[in-house]
Amino acid sequence: MELVVGLGAQDLEAPPGPAEGGSAEVSHGWALRSRSRERWYAWHAEGVIPPALPGPSRDDLPRVTVAYLCRTSEGRRQVLLGRKKRGLGEGLFVGLGGKFEAGETERLASVREIEEESGLRVDPADLDRRGDLFYLFPDREAWSQRSTVFVVTRWEGEASPSDELDPVWFDIDDLPLDEMWDDARQWLPGVLVGGQVSREFVFASDLSTVASERPVGPVGP
């Protein structure tokens, strides 16, 4: 079931222009009426194909990767997360990853990002692909993205801080979910114990709360 991202004009209202005290430059051009937005979230969560929200289609979303390095220490299963120092998600704990560079595959992008952010070296063959997450931000389209998820259990080196994040090991049964993106509690614990994930999350106007989510079918690389 494919989501196309944009609403009909009847469900939109123009933001105030300079004459009404608004900004001369409005990044999204239109704002959803609150009632239309709530209806769209309900349709999305129920798996109904809703009218589209402004923004790119799922196939056109920017690609990123995220990797979760897991180990056993003193009999406890642990995962390496990083406290973001800057950029999207600053202050939150996240997995290691980031955007693709020109010409990169998802595996090459992931191993490069892991090394840049933590100093750890991973063989692309040791990346265990667990699925994809689709993030839609109707109120800030530039944040919308498709994130490919990997789990890693083999690497070389010791984790060290970088300009991007400070790495911290956490027990898998004691994740800092209150200090992570809101969607993480819905899928990360399962992935870390061997599960797969393929879900789509729509974030509310506060840019931090999941307004609706639903499973999506398998997608290609």
Protein backbone atom coordinates (compact mmCIF):
# COMPACT_ATOMS: atom_id res chain seq x y z
CA MET A 1 0.00 0.00 0.00
CA GLU A 2 1.80 3.10 -1.22
CA LEU A 3 1.66 6.49 0.44
CA VAL A 4 1.77 9.56 -1.74
CA VAL A 5 2.76 12.61 0.23
CA GLY A 6 0.35 16.02 -0.49
CA LEU A 7 -3.42 17.10 0.59
CA GLY A 8 -6.03 18.58 -1.63
CA ALA A 9 -6.41 22.37 -1.63
CA GLN A 10 -9.78 22.03 0.11
CA ASP A 11 -7.99 20.61 3.15
CA LEU A 12 -5.32 23.28 3.32
CA GLU A 13 -5.20 26.85 4.47
CA ALA A 14 -2.71 29.44 3.31
CA PRO A 15 -0.39 30.81 6.03
CA PRO A 16 -0.58 34.52 6.79
CA GLY A 17 1.45 36.71 4.47
CA PRO A 18 3.29 39.94 5.34
CA ALA A 19 0.06 41.97 5.20
CA GLU A 20 -1.47 39.78 7.91
CA GLY A 21 1.65 39.87 10.07
CA GLY A 22 3.11 36.62 8.74
CA SER A 23 6.48 35.88 7.20
CA ALA A 24 7.39 36.84 3.65
CA GLU A 25 9.04 33.42 3.28
CA VAL A 26 7.05 30.34 4.33
CA SER A 27 9.02 27.12 3.92
CA HIS A 28 6.06 24.86 3.16
CA GLY A 29 3.65 27.35 1.56
CA TRP A 30 0.57 25.69 3.12
CA ALA A 31 -0.47 24.54 6.59
CA LEU A 32 -2.89 21.73 7.35
CA ARG A 33 -6.03 22.66 9.21
CA SER A 34 -5.96 20.86 12.56
CA ARG A 35 -9.10 18.84 11.82
CA SER A 36 -7.73 17.68 8.46
CA ARG A 37 -4.42 16.76 10.08
CA GLU A 38 -6.09 14.64 12.77
CA ARG A 39 -8.20 12.87 10.13
CA TRP A 40 -5.08 12.16 8.05
CA TYR A 41 -3.25 10.68 11.07
CA ALA A 42 -6.21 8.40 11.81
CA TRP A 43 -6.37 7.18 8.20
CA HIS A 44 -2.63 6.59 8.15
CA ALA A 45 -2.64 4.56 11.39
CA GLU A 46 -5.55 2.43 10.13
CA GLY A 47 -3.72 1.57 6.91
CA VAL A 48 -6.17 3.47 4.72
CA ILE A 49 -4.66 5.34 1.78
CA PRO A 50 -5.26 8.96 2.81
CA PRO A 51 -5.15 12.14 0.79
CA ALA A 52 -1.52 13.08 0.47
CA LEU A 53 0.48 15.45 2.64
CA PRO A 54 2.89 17.97 1.14
CA GLY A 55 6.31 16.50 0.54
CA PRO A 56 8.18 13.83 -1.41
CA SER A 57 6.86 10.35 -2.15
CA ARG A 58 8.35 7.46 -0.21
CA ASP A 59 10.49 6.45 -3.19
CA ASP A 60 12.08 9.91 -3.29
CA LEU A 61 12.99 10.22 0.38
CA PRO A 62 16.66 10.95 1.17
CA ARG A 63 18.52 7.79 2.23
CA VAL A 64 20.33 7.35 5.54
CA THR A 65 21.63 4.38 7.52
CA VAL A 66 21.65 3.54 11.22
CA ALA A 67 23.68 0.75 12.84
CA TYR A 68 23.47 -0.80 16.30
CA LEU A 69 26.69 -2.45 17.46
CA CYS A 70 25.95 -5.20 19.99
CA ARG A 71 28.24 -7.10 22.38
CA THR A 72 28.13 -9.32 25.45
CA SER A 73 29.91 -7.89 28.50
CA GLU A 74 30.01 -9.72 31.84
CA GLY A 75 27.09 -11.84 30.71
CA ARG A 76 24.95 -8.84 29.69
CA ARG A 77 23.89 -8.01 26.13
CA GLN A 78 24.75 -4.40 25.33
CA VAL A 79 24.32 -1.94 22.45
CA LEU A 80 26.42 1.07 21.52
CA LEU A 81 24.49 4.34 21.25
CA GLY A 82 25.78 7.87 20.87
CA ARG A 83 24.68 11.15 22.47
CA LYS A 84 24.30 13.52 19.51
CA LYS A 85 26.38 16.68 19.81
CA ARG A 86 24.92 18.58 16.85
CA GLY A 87 22.45 18.46 14.00
CA LEU A 88 19.21 16.51 13.77
CA GLY A 89 18.48 14.85 17.12
CA GLU A 90 21.02 16.92 19.07
CA GLY A 91 21.06 15.82 22.73
CA LEU A 92 19.37 12.47 22.03
CA PHE A 93 20.86 8.99 22.09
CA VAL A 94 20.95 7.50 18.59
CA GLY A 95 22.48 4.64 16.63
CA LEU A 96 25.56 5.23 14.49
CA GLY A 97 24.86 6.40 10.97
CA GLY A 98 24.03 9.19 8.61
CA LYS A 99 23.50 10.21 5.00
CA PHE A 100 24.73 8.47 1.89
CA GLU A 101 27.51 10.14 -0.04
CA ALA A 102 27.49 10.20 -3.84
CA GLY A 103 27.93 6.73 -5.32
CA GLU A 104 27.73 4.88 -1.99
CA THR A 105 25.72 1.74 -1.35
CA GLU A 106 23.86 1.46 1.94
CA ARG A 107 26.58 -0.83 3.33
CA LEU A 108 29.46 1.43 2.33
CA ALA A 109 27.63 4.44 3.78
CA SER A 110 27.09 2.58 7.03
CA VAL A 111 30.69 1.45 7.54
CA ARG A 112 31.99 4.93 6.74
CA GLU A 113 29.59 6.58 9.20
CA ILE A 114 30.42 4.07 11.94
CA GLU A 115 34.12 4.81 11.63
CA GLU A 116 33.63 8.58 11.41
CA GLU A 117 31.39 8.68 14.47
CA SER A 118 33.07 6.12 16.73
CA GLY A 119 36.46 5.13 15.27
CA LEU A 120 35.29 1.52 14.92
CA ARG A 121 36.01 -0.36 11.69
CA VAL A 122 33.39 -2.73 10.32
CA ASP A 123 33.55 -5.06 7.31
CA PRO A 124 30.50 -4.42 5.08
CA ALA A 125 29.87 -8.20 5.07
CA ASP A 126 29.34 -8.07 8.86
CA LEU A 127 26.37 -5.71 8.59
CA ASP A 128 23.14 -7.60 9.35
CA ARG A 129 20.35 -5.77 7.53
CA ARG A 130 17.19 -5.64 9.65
CA GLY A 131 14.87 -3.48 7.53
CA ASP A 132 13.82 0.08 6.79
CA LEU A 133 12.15 2.95 8.61
CA PHE A 134 10.31 5.72 6.78
CA TYR A 135 10.11 9.03 8.63
CA LEU A 136 7.70 11.71 7.45
CA PHE A 137 7.75 15.25 8.86
CA PRO A 138 4.88 17.18 7.22
CA ASP A 139 5.90 20.34 9.08
CA ARG A 140 9.57 20.11 8.11
CA GLU A 141 9.93 18.23 4.86
CA ALA A 142 13.74 18.43 4.89
CA TRP A 143 13.75 16.00 7.84
CA SER A 144 11.78 13.27 6.04
CA GLN A 145 13.95 10.28 5.21
CA ARG A 146 14.28 6.53 4.72
CA SER A 147 16.60 4.89 7.25
CA THR A 148 18.07 1.43 6.61
CA VAL A 149 18.73 -0.45 9.86
CA PHE A 150 21.74 -2.70 10.53
CA VAL A 151 22.89 -4.71 13.54
CA VAL A 152 26.61 -5.46 13.94
CA THR A 153 28.36 -7.93 16.23
CA ARG A 154 31.93 -7.84 14.80
CA TRP A 155 34.26 -4.84 14.44
CA GLU A 156 37.79 -3.67 15.10
CA GLY A 157 38.94 -0.96 17.50
CA GLU A 158 37.61 0.77 20.61
CA ALA A 159 34.76 3.28 20.53
CA SER A 160 35.87 6.89 21.00
CA PRO A 161 34.11 10.29 20.90
CA SER A 162 33.84 12.25 17.66
CA ASP A 163 32.57 15.65 16.57
CA GLU A 164 29.16 14.03 16.01
CA LEU A 165 28.54 12.06 19.19
CA ASP A 166 29.78 10.59 22.46
CA PRO A 167 29.48 6.77 22.39
CA VAL A 168 27.96 4.99 25.41
CA TRP A 169 27.26 1.27 25.98
CA PHE A 170 23.81 0.38 27.35
CA ASP A 171 22.35 -2.92 28.49
CA ILE A 172 19.75 -3.96 25.91
CA ASP A 173 17.17 -4.48 28.66
CA ASP A 174 17.77 -0.94 29.97
CA LEU A 175 17.70 1.31 26.89
CA PRO A 176 17.45 5.10 27.42
CA LEU A 177 14.19 5.25 25.46
CA ASP A 178 13.06 8.48 27.13
CA GLU A 179 16.17 10.14 25.68
CA MET A 180 15.77 8.78 22.16
CA TRP A 181 13.53 9.63 19.21
CA ASP A 182 9.90 8.88 20.05
CA ASP A 183 9.58 6.04 17.52
CA ALA A 184 12.47 3.98 18.96
CA ARG A 185 10.42 2.38 21.74
CA GLN A 186 8.09 0.88 19.14
CA TRP A 187 10.70 -1.14 17.23
CA LEU A 188 14.27 -0.94 18.60
CA PRO A 189 13.97 -3.46 21.49
CA GLY A 190 12.67 -6.09 19.08
CA VAL A 191 15.36 -5.46 16.48
CA LEU A 192 18.11 -5.80 19.10
CA VAL A 193 16.94 -9.31 20.00
CA GLY A 194 16.83 -10.52 16.40
CA GLY A 195 13.72 -8.97 14.89
CA GLN A 196 13.07 -7.22 11.58
CA VAL A 197 11.39 -3.85 11.00
CA SER A 198 9.59 -2.13 8.13
CA ARG A 199 7.49 0.76 9.42
CA GLU A 200 6.46 4.27 8.54
CA PHE A 201 6.22 7.04 11.15
CA VAL A 202 4.58 10.44 10.74
CA PHE A 203 5.74 13.07 13.22
CA ALA A 204 3.48 15.76 14.65
CA SER A 205 3.96 19.51 14.36
CA ASP A 206 6.20 19.52 17.46
CA LEU A 207 8.73 17.57 15.32
CA SER A 208 9.39 15.10 18.14
CA THR A 209 6.17 13.14 18.81
CA VAL A 210 4.94 10.28 16.61
CA ALA A 211 1.45 11.22 15.45
CA SER A 212 0.77 7.98 13.56
CA GLU A 213 2.59 4.89 12.37
CA ARG A 214 1.94 1.78 10.33
CA PRO A 215 3.76 -1.25 8.91
CA VAL A 216 4.82 -1.16 5.27
CA GLY A 217 5.66 -4.00 2.95
CA PRO A 218 9.21 -5.13 2.22
CA VAL A 219 11.20 -2.70 0.08
CA GLY A 220 14.24 -3.16 -2.13
CA PRO A 221 17.73 -1.86 -1.39
